[in-house]
Amino acid sequence: MTSGAARPVKRSFSIRGHRTSISLEAPFWDALKEAASREGVSLASLIARIDEARGTAGLSSAVRIWILEDVRTVASVTQYDGGNRD
């Protein structure tokens, strides 16, 4: 990992008319953009959806956890062999 990847990058968004910002490291931003593209939604829309489901967690933490769950889901779908028992 390069030192630049470890430094959080802050970005601002408007969620339901409220301005907020979150700080994530570059690899998390990349994963979030890939997920939004895969789902066919804007980055702001995906963050708003994560925000709605986050409960009491901070938004940056909720986004990181969502990304982890998304990566695990994509990996499990990719590794699924269709149930063949050969």
Foldseek 3Di string as FASTA:
>chain_A
DDPQQVFWDKDWAQAPNRIDIETDGPVLVVLLCVVCVVVVHDSRVVLNVLVVPVPPDDSNVSSVVVSVVVVVVVVVVVPDPPPDDD
